[in-house]
Amino acid sequence: MASIKGKTALVTGASSGIGKETVQLLLNAGATVYGAARRVEKMKDLEQKGAQAIKLDVTDNESVKSVVDSILEKEGSIDILINNAGYGSYGAIEDIPIEEARRQFDVNIFGLAHLTQRVLPAMRENRYGKIVNISSMGGKIYTPFGGWYHATKHALEGLSDCLRIETEPFGIDVVIIEPGGIATDWGIISADNLRKTSGNGAYAELANKTADNLAERYSSDKLSPPDVVARTILKAVTASRPKTRYATGYMAGFTIFMRQLLSDRIFDKLILKSMS
């Protein structure tokens, strides 16, 4: 285990859930932590605990540049980057407008990639860095009506693998976190969006069944709390040689294992059965 005391960390999507819990744990470990999100007012509690709250829209190039430049000017380095900002837009692939699909990629991939590009030069110069990309077990599997979301997470897995090889000579670790079912508002929001997008069209029967399943699952007490993922992130950034990826949270390890084990057709049936 390596100490991160005195290191500077930037956490995106820090206004709630996994991001907020991660900020708290990194603070407790002695890091200087910047929590970034569009809703700065949601991070007042983190400021009271010693974090620096900073407004960031990862899809706005000027916002990304301003945030990175201001942290580097004040701290001299960004040693740890937690790319946590992201969202899921559910609906049949046919029903979701391409503009919304592009926005999904802008947030989950291109915004993340641009922020990483901005942070990398200082990490290379210091020959030290920890980049943690929050993927999902959805980056290894698939579910009906999550096509565009899964596409971004599958892309993030490949992007992270390539980045890991490219940056390793500079002392930079790139880690992928693959959460399973986590007790946040993600599933409820996705279920609502699914009903609005595909609840009355050609895909209505399965779409409504899937939405009901999502809403029920994310209203239950089966899911893992966000701090399970936050603790995994802390484990990764304090490891002298972290794993390349960590599956964590409800059903993550088991589901990814079953995807590797089963054929496409059998896994299709398993996923559909889980939606019934």
C-alpha atoms as a PDB file:
ATOM      1  CA  MET A   1       0.000   0.000   0.000  1.00  0.00           C
ATOM      2  CA  ALA A   2       1.239   3.478  -0.889  1.00  0.00           C
ATOM      3  CA  SER A   3       0.295   6.658   0.929  1.00  0.00           C
ATOM      4  CA  ILE A   4      -1.563   9.359  -0.987  1.00  0.00           C
ATOM      5  CA  LYS A   5      -1.081  11.912   1.765  1.00  0.00           C
ATOM      6  CA  GLY A   6      -0.251  15.239   0.161  1.00  0.00           C
ATOM      7  CA  LYS A   7      -1.317  14.094  -3.318  1.00  0.00           C
ATOM      8  CA  THR A   8      -3.835  16.116  -5.307  1.00  0.00           C
ATOM      9  CA  ALA A   9      -6.949  14.336  -6.558  1.00  0.00           C
ATOM     10  CA  LEU A  10      -9.688  15.420  -8.955  1.00  0.00           C
ATOM     11  CA  VAL A  11     -13.006  13.545  -8.778  1.00  0.00           C
ATOM     12  CA  THR A  12     -15.715  14.183 -11.373  1.00  0.00           C
ATOM     13  CA  GLY A  13     -19.398  13.581 -10.735  1.00  0.00           C
ATOM     14  CA  ALA A  14     -18.745  14.440  -7.095  1.00  0.00           C
ATOM     15  CA  SER A  15     -22.144  15.927  -6.253  1.00  0.00           C
ATOM     16  CA  SER A  16     -23.718  12.591  -5.318  1.00  0.00           C
ATOM     17  CA  GLY A  17     -23.355   8.831  -5.018  1.00  0.00           C
ATOM     18  CA  ILE A  18     -20.044   7.192  -5.836  1.00  0.00           C
ATOM     19  CA  GLY A  19     -18.269  10.484  -6.520  1.00  0.00           C
ATOM     20  CA  LYS A  20     -19.248  12.066  -3.220  1.00  0.00           C
ATOM     21  CA  GLU A  21     -18.250   8.959  -1.235  1.00  0.00           C
ATOM     22  CA  THR A  22     -14.921   8.836  -3.067  1.00  0.00           C
ATOM     23  CA  VAL A  23     -14.117  12.450  -2.216  1.00  0.00           C
ATOM     24  CA  GLN A  24     -14.725  11.696   1.460  1.00  0.00           C
ATOM     25  CA  LEU A  25     -12.445   8.629   1.503  1.00  0.00           C
ATOM     26  CA  LEU A  26      -9.634  10.392  -0.363  1.00  0.00           C
ATOM     27  CA  LEU A  27      -9.850  13.273   2.108  1.00  0.00           C
ATOM     28  CA  ASN A  28      -9.621  10.825   4.995  1.00  0.00           C
ATOM     29  CA  ALA A  29      -6.527   9.322   3.389  1.00  0.00           C
ATOM     30  CA  GLY A  30      -4.798  12.703   3.442  1.00  0.00           C
ATOM     31  CA  ALA A  31      -5.158  13.828  -0.156  1.00  0.00           C
ATOM     32  CA  THR A  32      -6.041  17.326  -1.307  1.00  0.00           C
ATOM     33  CA  VAL A  33      -9.306  16.686  -3.114  1.00  0.00           C
ATOM     34  CA  TYR A  34     -11.188  18.675  -5.731  1.00  0.00           C
ATOM     35  CA  GLY A  35     -14.765  17.538  -6.197  1.00  0.00           C
ATOM     36  CA  ALA A  36     -16.049  18.548  -9.620  1.00  0.00           C
ATOM     37  CA  ALA A  37     -19.625  18.609 -10.896  1.00  0.00           C
ATOM     38  CA  ARG A  38     -22.098  20.855 -12.662  1.00  0.00           C
ATOM     39  CA  ARG A  39     -24.089  21.312  -9.441  1.00  0.00           C
ATOM     40  CA  VAL A  40     -21.625  22.985  -7.092  1.00  0.00           C
ATOM     41  CA  GLU A  41     -24.394  23.672  -4.570  1.00  0.00           C
ATOM     42  CA  LYS A  42     -24.699  19.911  -4.003  1.00  0.00           C
ATOM     43  CA  MET A  43     -21.115  19.796  -2.658  1.00  0.00           C
ATOM     44  CA  LYS A  44     -21.435  22.221   0.276  1.00  0.00           C
ATOM     45  CA  ASP A  45     -21.101  19.330   2.714  1.00  0.00           C
ATOM     46  CA  LEU A  46     -17.846  18.234   1.063  1.00  0.00           C
ATOM     47  CA  GLU A  47     -16.460  21.751   1.347  1.00  0.00           C
ATOM     48  CA  GLN A  48     -17.220  21.721   5.056  1.00  0.00           C
ATOM     49  CA  LYS A  49     -15.150  18.546   5.341  1.00  0.00           C
ATOM     50  CA  GLY A  50     -12.168  20.097   3.585  1.00  0.00           C
ATOM     51  CA  ALA A  51     -12.720  19.382  -0.112  1.00  0.00           C
ATOM     52  CA  GLN A  52     -12.506  22.007  -2.829  1.00  0.00           C
ATOM     53  CA  ALA A  53     -15.746  22.165  -4.823  1.00  0.00           C
ATOM     54  CA  ILE A  54     -15.323  23.207  -8.430  1.00  0.00           C
ATOM     55  CA  LYS A  55     -17.847  23.612 -11.249  1.00  0.00           C
ATOM     56  CA  LEU A  56     -17.178  21.376 -14.248  1.00  0.00           C
ATOM     57  CA  ASP A  57     -19.075  20.359 -17.354  1.00  0.00           C
ATOM     58  CA  VAL A  58     -17.007  17.630 -19.018  1.00  0.00           C
ATOM     59  CA  THR A  59     -18.695  18.309 -22.367  1.00  0.00           C
ATOM     60  CA  ASP A  60     -17.529  21.947 -22.357  1.00  0.00           C
ATOM     61  CA  ASN A  61     -13.935  22.232 -23.565  1.00  0.00           C
ATOM     62  CA  GLU A  62     -13.400  25.620 -21.949  1.00  0.00           C
ATOM     63  CA  SER A  63     -14.765  24.356 -18.636  1.00  0.00           C
ATOM     64  CA  VAL A  64     -12.357  21.395 -18.727  1.00  0.00           C
ATOM     65  CA  LYS A  65      -9.373  23.602 -19.578  1.00  0.00           C
ATOM     66  CA  SER A  66     -10.239  26.145 -16.894  1.00  0.00           C
ATOM     67  CA  VAL A  67     -10.602  23.525 -14.159  1.00  0.00           C
ATOM     68  CA  VAL A  68      -7.349  21.733 -14.946  1.00  0.00           C
ATOM     69  CA  ASP A  69      -5.379  24.963 -15.368  1.00  0.00           C
ATOM     70  CA  SER A  70      -6.675  26.406 -12.084  1.00  0.00           C
ATOM     71  CA  ILE A  71      -5.823  23.248 -10.100  1.00  0.00           C
ATOM     72  CA  LEU A  72      -2.351  23.004 -11.620  1.00  0.00           C
ATOM     73  CA  GLU A  73      -1.693  26.678 -10.936  1.00  0.00           C
ATOM     74  CA  LYS A  74      -2.705  26.296  -7.300  1.00  0.00           C
ATOM     75  CA  GLU A  75      -1.387  22.803  -6.483  1.00  0.00           C
ATOM     76  CA  GLY A  76       1.351  22.221  -9.042  1.00  0.00           C
ATOM     77  CA  SER A  77       0.057  18.753  -9.961  1.00  0.00           C
ATOM     78  CA  ILE A  78      -2.973  16.544 -10.383  1.00  0.00           C
ATOM     79  CA  ASP A  79      -1.783  13.171  -9.157  1.00  0.00           C
ATOM     80  CA  ILE A  80      -5.056  11.264  -9.094  1.00  0.00           C
ATOM     81  CA  LEU A  81      -7.912  11.568 -11.594  1.00  0.00           C
ATOM     82  CA  ILE A  82     -11.188   9.768 -10.895  1.00  0.00           C
ATOM     83  CA  ASN A  83     -13.330   9.862 -14.044  1.00  0.00           C
ATOM     84  CA  ASN A  84     -16.706   9.191 -12.463  1.00  0.00           C
ATOM     85  CA  ALA A  85     -19.090  11.571 -14.291  1.00  0.00           C
ATOM     86  CA  GLY A  86     -21.523   9.763 -16.553  1.00  0.00           C
ATOM     87  CA  TYR A  87     -25.142   8.781 -17.093  1.00  0.00           C
ATOM     88  CA  GLY A  88     -27.321   6.161 -18.771  1.00  0.00           C
ATOM     89  CA  SER A  89     -29.998   6.939 -21.347  1.00  0.00           C
ATOM     90  CA  TYR A  90     -32.323   3.967 -21.719  1.00  0.00           C
ATOM     91  CA  GLY A  91     -34.624   3.203 -24.629  1.00  0.00           C
ATOM     92  CA  ALA A  92     -34.730   1.070 -27.746  1.00  0.00           C
ATOM     93  CA  ILE A  93     -31.845   1.855 -30.098  1.00  0.00           C
ATOM     94  CA  GLU A  94     -34.408   2.684 -32.782  1.00  0.00           C
ATOM     95  CA  ASP A  95     -36.259   5.117 -30.519  1.00  0.00           C
ATOM     96  CA  ILE A  96     -33.412   7.161 -29.029  1.00  0.00           C
ATOM     97  CA  PRO A  97     -32.598  10.195 -31.204  1.00  0.00           C
ATOM     98  CA  ILE A  98     -29.057  10.224 -32.531  1.00  0.00           C
ATOM     99  CA  GLU A  99     -28.576  13.611 -30.854  1.00  0.00           C
ATOM    100  CA  GLU A 100     -29.156  11.945 -27.472  1.00  0.00           C
ATOM    101  CA  ALA A 101     -26.866   9.062 -28.412  1.00  0.00           C
ATOM    102  CA  ARG A 102     -24.148  11.600 -29.252  1.00  0.00           C
ATOM    103  CA  ARG A 103     -24.664  13.345 -25.909  1.00  0.00           C
ATOM    104  CA  GLN A 104     -24.246   9.992 -24.171  1.00  0.00           C
ATOM    105  CA  PHE A 105     -20.856   9.584 -25.865  1.00  0.00           C
ATOM    106  CA  ASP A 106     -19.963  13.233 -25.231  1.00  0.00           C
ATOM    107  CA  VAL A 107     -20.385  12.761 -21.480  1.00  0.00           C
ATOM    108  CA  ASN A 108     -19.245   9.169 -20.973  1.00  0.00           C
ATOM    109  CA  ILE A 109     -16.376   9.038 -23.488  1.00  0.00           C
ATOM    110  CA  PHE A 110     -15.319  12.268 -25.188  1.00  0.00           C
ATOM    111  CA  GLY A 111     -15.649  14.468 -22.106  1.00  0.00           C
ATOM    112  CA  LEU A 112     -13.759  11.907 -20.053  1.00  0.00           C
ATOM    113  CA  ALA A 113     -11.073  11.603 -22.739  1.00  0.00           C
ATOM    114  CA  HIS A 114     -10.614  15.358 -23.071  1.00  0.00           C
ATOM    115  CA  LEU A 115     -10.214  15.803 -19.318  1.00  0.00           C
ATOM    116  CA  THR A 116      -7.685  12.969 -19.280  1.00  0.00           C
ATOM    117  CA  GLN A 117      -5.740  14.563 -22.137  1.00  0.00           C
ATOM    118  CA  ARG A 118      -5.531  17.810 -20.172  1.00  0.00           C
ATOM    119  CA  VAL A 119      -4.267  16.076 -17.036  1.00  0.00           C
ATOM    120  CA  LEU A 120      -1.730  13.760 -18.673  1.00  0.00           C
ATOM    121  CA  PRO A 121       1.108  16.209 -19.482  1.00  0.00           C
ATOM    122  CA  ALA A 122       1.669  17.109 -15.820  1.00  0.00           C
ATOM    123  CA  MET A 123       1.441  13.462 -14.804  1.00  0.00           C
ATOM    124  CA  ARG A 124       4.039  12.535 -17.424  1.00  0.00           C
ATOM    125  CA  GLU A 125       6.345  15.314 -16.296  1.00  0.00           C
ATOM    126  CA  ASN A 126       6.067  14.153 -12.672  1.00  0.00           C
ATOM    127  CA  ARG A 127       6.314  10.508 -13.739  1.00  0.00           C
ATOM    128  CA  TYR A 128       3.443   9.705 -11.412  1.00  0.00           C
ATOM    129  CA  GLY A 129      -0.283   9.385 -11.877  1.00  0.00           C
ATOM    130  CA  LYS A 130      -3.367   7.344 -11.024  1.00  0.00           C
ATOM    131  CA  ILE A 131      -6.227   7.465 -13.509  1.00  0.00           C
ATOM    132  CA  VAL A 132      -9.351   5.581 -12.453  1.00  0.00           C
ATOM    133  CA  ASN A 133     -12.131   5.246 -15.019  1.00  0.00           C
ATOM    134  CA  ILE A 134     -15.532   4.263 -13.671  1.00  0.00           C
ATOM    135  CA  SER A 135     -16.968   1.822 -16.169  1.00  0.00           C
ATOM    136  CA  SER A 136     -19.662  -0.703 -15.206  1.00  0.00           C
ATOM    137  CA  MET A 137     -20.343  -4.394 -15.400  1.00  0.00           C
ATOM    138  CA  GLY A 138     -22.328  -2.993 -18.344  1.00  0.00           C
ATOM    139  CA  GLY A 139     -18.968  -2.560 -20.081  1.00  0.00           C
ATOM    140  CA  LYS A 140     -18.693  -6.344 -20.230  1.00  0.00           C
ATOM    141  CA  ILE A 141     -22.325  -7.401 -20.676  1.00  0.00           C
ATOM    142  CA  TYR A 142     -25.464  -6.059 -22.345  1.00  0.00           C
ATOM    143  CA  THR A 143     -29.149  -5.618 -21.573  1.00  0.00           C
ATOM    144  CA  PRO A 144     -32.126  -4.698 -23.733  1.00  0.00           C
ATOM    145  CA  PHE A 145     -32.779  -0.964 -24.075  1.00  0.00           C
ATOM    146  CA  GLY A 146     -29.334  -0.023 -22.753  1.00  0.00           C
ATOM    147  CA  GLY A 147     -27.666  -0.101 -26.158  1.00  0.00           C
ATOM    148  CA  TRP A 148     -26.197   3.398 -26.220  1.00  0.00           C
ATOM    149  CA  TYR A 149     -25.162   3.255 -22.564  1.00  0.00           C
ATOM    150  CA  HIS A 150     -23.502  -0.124 -23.001  1.00  0.00           C
ATOM    151  CA  ALA A 151     -21.789   1.143 -26.145  1.00  0.00           C
ATOM    152  CA  THR A 152     -20.133   3.945 -24.159  1.00  0.00           C
ATOM    153  CA  LYS A 153     -19.002   1.576 -21.402  1.00  0.00           C
ATOM    154  CA  HIS A 154     -17.648  -1.010 -23.843  1.00  0.00           C
ATOM    155  CA  ALA A 155     -15.772   1.844 -25.529  1.00  0.00           C
ATOM    156  CA  LEU A 156     -14.417   2.998 -22.173  1.00  0.00           C
ATOM    157  CA  GLU A 157     -13.020  -0.474 -21.485  1.00  0.00           C
ATOM    158  CA  GLY A 158     -11.064  -0.441 -24.763  1.00  0.00           C
ATOM    159  CA  LEU A 159      -9.946   3.166 -24.362  1.00  0.00           C
ATOM    160  CA  SER A 160      -8.670   2.456 -20.851  1.00  0.00           C
ATOM    161  CA  ASP A 161      -6.752  -0.647 -21.911  1.00  0.00           C
ATOM    162  CA  CYS A 162      -4.953   1.281 -24.647  1.00  0.00           C
ATOM    163  CA  LEU A 163      -4.260   4.230 -22.329  1.00  0.00           C
ATOM    164  CA  ARG A 164      -2.788   1.891 -19.713  1.00  0.00           C
ATOM    165  CA  ILE A 165      -0.177   0.542 -22.130  1.00  0.00           C
ATOM    166  CA  GLU A 166       0.674   3.992 -23.515  1.00  0.00           C
ATOM    167  CA  THR A 167       1.188   5.660 -20.141  1.00  0.00           C
ATOM    168  CA  GLU A 168       2.851   2.883 -18.130  1.00  0.00           C
ATOM    169  CA  PRO A 169       6.397   3.981 -19.122  1.00  0.00           C
ATOM    170  CA  PHE A 170       5.688   7.354 -17.461  1.00  0.00           C
ATOM    171  CA  GLY A 171       4.754   5.869 -14.080  1.00  0.00           C
ATOM    172  CA  ILE A 172       1.016   6.297 -14.654  1.00  0.00           C
ATOM    173  CA  ASP A 173      -1.453   3.594 -13.621  1.00  0.00           C
ATOM    174  CA  VAL A 174      -4.789   3.326 -15.437  1.00  0.00           C
ATOM    175  CA  VAL A 175      -7.471   1.360 -13.610  1.00  0.00           C
ATOM    176  CA  ILE A 176     -11.001   0.375 -14.642  1.00  0.00           C
ATOM    177  CA  ILE A 177     -13.712  -0.007 -11.988  1.00  0.00           C
ATOM    178  CA  GLU A 178     -16.721  -2.118 -12.997  1.00  0.00           C
ATOM    179  CA  PRO A 179     -19.553  -1.545 -10.488  1.00  0.00           C
ATOM    180  CA  GLY A 180     -22.560  -3.826 -10.351  1.00  0.00           C
ATOM    181  CA  GLY A 181     -25.880  -2.789  -8.846  1.00  0.00           C
ATOM    182  CA  ILE A 182     -25.277   0.282  -6.685  1.00  0.00           C
ATOM    183  CA  ALA A 183     -27.936   1.981  -4.560  1.00  0.00           C
ATOM    184  CA  THR A 184     -28.197   5.322  -6.355  1.00  0.00           C
ATOM    185  CA  ASP A 185     -30.955   7.062  -8.346  1.00  0.00           C
ATOM    186  CA  TRP A 186     -29.431   5.730 -11.584  1.00  0.00           C
ATOM    187  CA  GLY A 187     -31.899   2.867 -12.047  1.00  0.00           C
ATOM    188  CA  ILE A 188     -35.007   4.910 -11.221  1.00  0.00           C
ATOM    189  CA  ILE A 189     -33.990   7.629 -13.670  1.00  0.00           C
ATOM    190  CA  SER A 190     -33.197   5.034 -16.350  1.00  0.00           C
ATOM    191  CA  ALA A 191     -36.577   3.353 -15.823  1.00  0.00           C
ATOM    192  CA  ASP A 192     -38.419   6.663 -16.184  1.00  0.00           C
ATOM    193  CA  ASN A 193     -36.496   7.507 -19.356  1.00  0.00           C
ATOM    194  CA  LEU A 194     -37.195   4.059 -20.785  1.00  0.00           C
ATOM    195  CA  ARG A 195     -40.938   4.439 -20.285  1.00  0.00           C
ATOM    196  CA  LYS A 196     -40.914   7.880 -21.911  1.00  0.00           C
ATOM    197  CA  THR A 197     -38.802   6.753 -24.862  1.00  0.00           C
ATOM    198  CA  SER A 198     -40.128   3.282 -25.672  1.00  0.00           C
ATOM    199  CA  GLY A 199     -43.102   2.661 -23.386  1.00  0.00           C
ATOM    200  CA  ASN A 200     -45.764   3.275 -26.040  1.00  0.00           C
ATOM    201  CA  GLY A 201     -44.243   2.128 -29.331  1.00  0.00           C
ATOM    202  CA  ALA A 202     -43.302  -1.092 -31.065  1.00  0.00           C
ATOM    203  CA  TYR A 203     -41.098  -2.175 -28.147  1.00  0.00           C
ATOM    204  CA  ALA A 204     -43.608  -1.265 -25.436  1.00  0.00           C
ATOM    205  CA  GLU A 205     -44.231  -4.736 -23.962  1.00  0.00           C
ATOM    206  CA  LEU A 206     -40.608  -5.583 -23.162  1.00  0.00           C
ATOM    207  CA  ALA A 207     -39.698  -1.936 -22.494  1.00  0.00           C
ATOM    208  CA  ASN A 208     -42.313  -1.544 -19.756  1.00  0.00           C
ATOM    209  CA  LYS A 209     -41.413  -4.907 -18.257  1.00  0.00           C
ATOM    210  CA  THR A 210     -37.741  -3.888 -18.204  1.00  0.00           C
ATOM    211  CA  ALA A 211     -38.585  -0.491 -16.691  1.00  0.00           C
ATOM    212  CA  ASP A 212     -40.644  -2.131 -13.951  1.00  0.00           C
ATOM    213  CA  ASN A 213     -37.769  -4.499 -13.221  1.00  0.00           C
ATOM    214  CA  LEU A 214     -35.272  -1.625 -13.012  1.00  0.00           C
ATOM    215  CA  ALA A 215     -37.514   0.406 -10.725  1.00  0.00           C
ATOM    216  CA  GLU A 216     -38.159  -2.571  -8.440  1.00  0.00           C
ATOM    217  CA  ARG A 217     -34.471  -3.524  -8.253  1.00  0.00           C
ATOM    218  CA  TYR A 218     -33.314   0.009  -7.491  1.00  0.00           C
ATOM    219  CA  SER A 219     -35.983   0.401  -4.824  1.00  0.00           C
ATOM    220  CA  SER A 220     -34.904  -2.773  -3.025  1.00  0.00           C
ATOM    221  CA  ASP A 221     -32.310  -3.245  -0.303  1.00  0.00           C
ATOM    222  CA  LYS A 222     -30.298  -5.778  -2.333  1.00  0.00           C
ATOM    223  CA  LEU A 223     -27.987  -3.283  -4.014  1.00  0.00           C
ATOM    224  CA  SER A 224     -24.585  -2.280  -2.680  1.00  0.00           C
ATOM    225  CA  PRO A 225     -24.109   1.188  -1.157  1.00  0.00           C
ATOM    226  CA  PRO A 226     -21.936   3.662  -3.101  1.00  0.00           C
ATOM    227  CA  ASP A 227     -19.138   3.470  -0.528  1.00  0.00           C
ATOM    228  CA  VAL A 228     -18.419  -0.100  -1.723  1.00  0.00           C
ATOM    229  CA  VAL A 229     -17.194   1.390  -4.992  1.00  0.00           C
ATOM    230  CA  ALA A 230     -15.461   4.280  -3.224  1.00  0.00           C
ATOM    231  CA  ARG A 231     -13.494   1.840  -1.070  1.00  0.00           C
ATOM    232  CA  THR A 232     -12.455  -0.054  -4.189  1.00  0.00           C
ATOM    233  CA  ILE A 233     -11.260   3.196  -5.771  1.00  0.00           C
ATOM    234  CA  LEU A 234      -9.219   3.983  -2.656  1.00  0.00           C
ATOM    235  CA  LYS A 235      -7.736   0.483  -2.748  1.00  0.00           C
ATOM    236  CA  ALA A 236      -6.713   0.992  -6.380  1.00  0.00           C
ATOM    237  CA  VAL A 237      -5.049   4.385  -5.910  1.00  0.00           C
ATOM    238  CA  THR A 238      -3.142   3.287  -2.809  1.00  0.00           C
ATOM    239  CA  ALA A 239      -1.892  -0.001  -4.295  1.00  0.00           C
ATOM    240  CA  SER A 240       1.753   0.000  -5.325  1.00  0.00           C
ATOM    241  CA  ARG A 241       0.759  -2.116  -8.319  1.00  0.00           C
ATOM    242  CA  PRO A 242      -3.034  -1.959  -8.760  1.00  0.00           C
ATOM    243  CA  LYS A 243      -5.049  -4.457 -10.733  1.00  0.00           C
ATOM    244  CA  THR A 244      -6.007  -3.313 -14.214  1.00  0.00           C
ATOM    245  CA  ARG A 245      -9.714  -3.674 -13.362  1.00  0.00           C
ATOM    246  CA  TYR A 246     -11.889  -4.272 -10.333  1.00  0.00           C
ATOM    247  CA  ALA A 247     -15.432  -5.679 -10.462  1.00  0.00           C
ATOM    248  CA  THR A 248     -17.268  -4.593  -7.321  1.00  0.00           C
ATOM    249  CA  GLY A 249     -20.767  -4.314  -5.933  1.00  0.00           C
ATOM    250  CA  TYR A 250     -23.940  -6.346  -6.263  1.00  0.00           C
ATOM    251  CA  MET A 251     -23.724  -9.149  -8.873  1.00  0.00           C
ATOM    252  CA  ALA A 252     -20.760  -7.592 -10.726  1.00  0.00           C
ATOM    253  CA  GLY A 253     -18.249 -10.416 -10.460  1.00  0.00           C
ATOM    254  CA  PHE A 254     -20.814 -13.182 -10.978  1.00  0.00           C
ATOM    255  CA  THR A 255     -22.490 -11.521 -13.972  1.00  0.00           C
ATOM    256  CA  ILE A 256     -19.199 -10.799 -15.755  1.00  0.00           C
ATOM    257  CA  PHE A 257     -18.085 -14.391 -15.113  1.00  0.00           C
ATOM    258  CA  MET A 258     -21.323 -15.785 -16.575  1.00  0.00           C
ATOM    259  CA  ARG A 259     -20.915 -13.599 -19.667  1.00  0.00           C
ATOM    260  CA  GLN A 260     -17.446 -15.079 -20.206  1.00  0.00           C
ATOM    261  CA  LEU A 261     -18.714 -18.607 -19.636  1.00  0.00           C
ATOM    262  CA  LEU A 262     -21.921 -18.655 -21.679  1.00  0.00           C
ATOM    263  CA  SER A 263     -22.570 -18.376 -25.399  1.00  0.00           C
ATOM    264  CA  ASP A 264     -24.323 -15.279 -26.746  1.00  0.00           C
ATOM    265  CA  ARG A 265     -27.658 -17.056 -27.227  1.00  0.00           C
ATOM    266  CA  ILE A 266     -27.687 -18.595 -23.752  1.00  0.00           C
ATOM    267  CA  PHE A 267     -26.680 -15.285 -22.174  1.00  0.00           C
ATOM    268  CA  ASP A 268     -29.486 -13.581 -24.136  1.00  0.00           C
ATOM    269  CA  LYS A 269     -31.973 -15.963 -22.522  1.00  0.00           C
ATOM    270  CA  LEU A 270     -30.475 -15.400 -19.076  1.00  0.00           C
ATOM    271  CA  ILE A 271     -30.773 -11.618 -19.412  1.00  0.00           C
ATOM    272  CA  LEU A 272     -34.346 -11.818 -20.701  1.00  0.00           C
ATOM    273  CA  LYS A 273     -35.302 -14.157 -17.858  1.00  0.00           C
ATOM    274  CA  SER A 274     -33.869 -11.706 -15.338  1.00  0.00           C
ATOM    275  CA  MET A 275     -36.148  -9.016 -16.771  1.00  0.00           C
ATOM    276  CA  SER A 276     -39.314 -11.073 -16.275  1.00  0.00           C
END
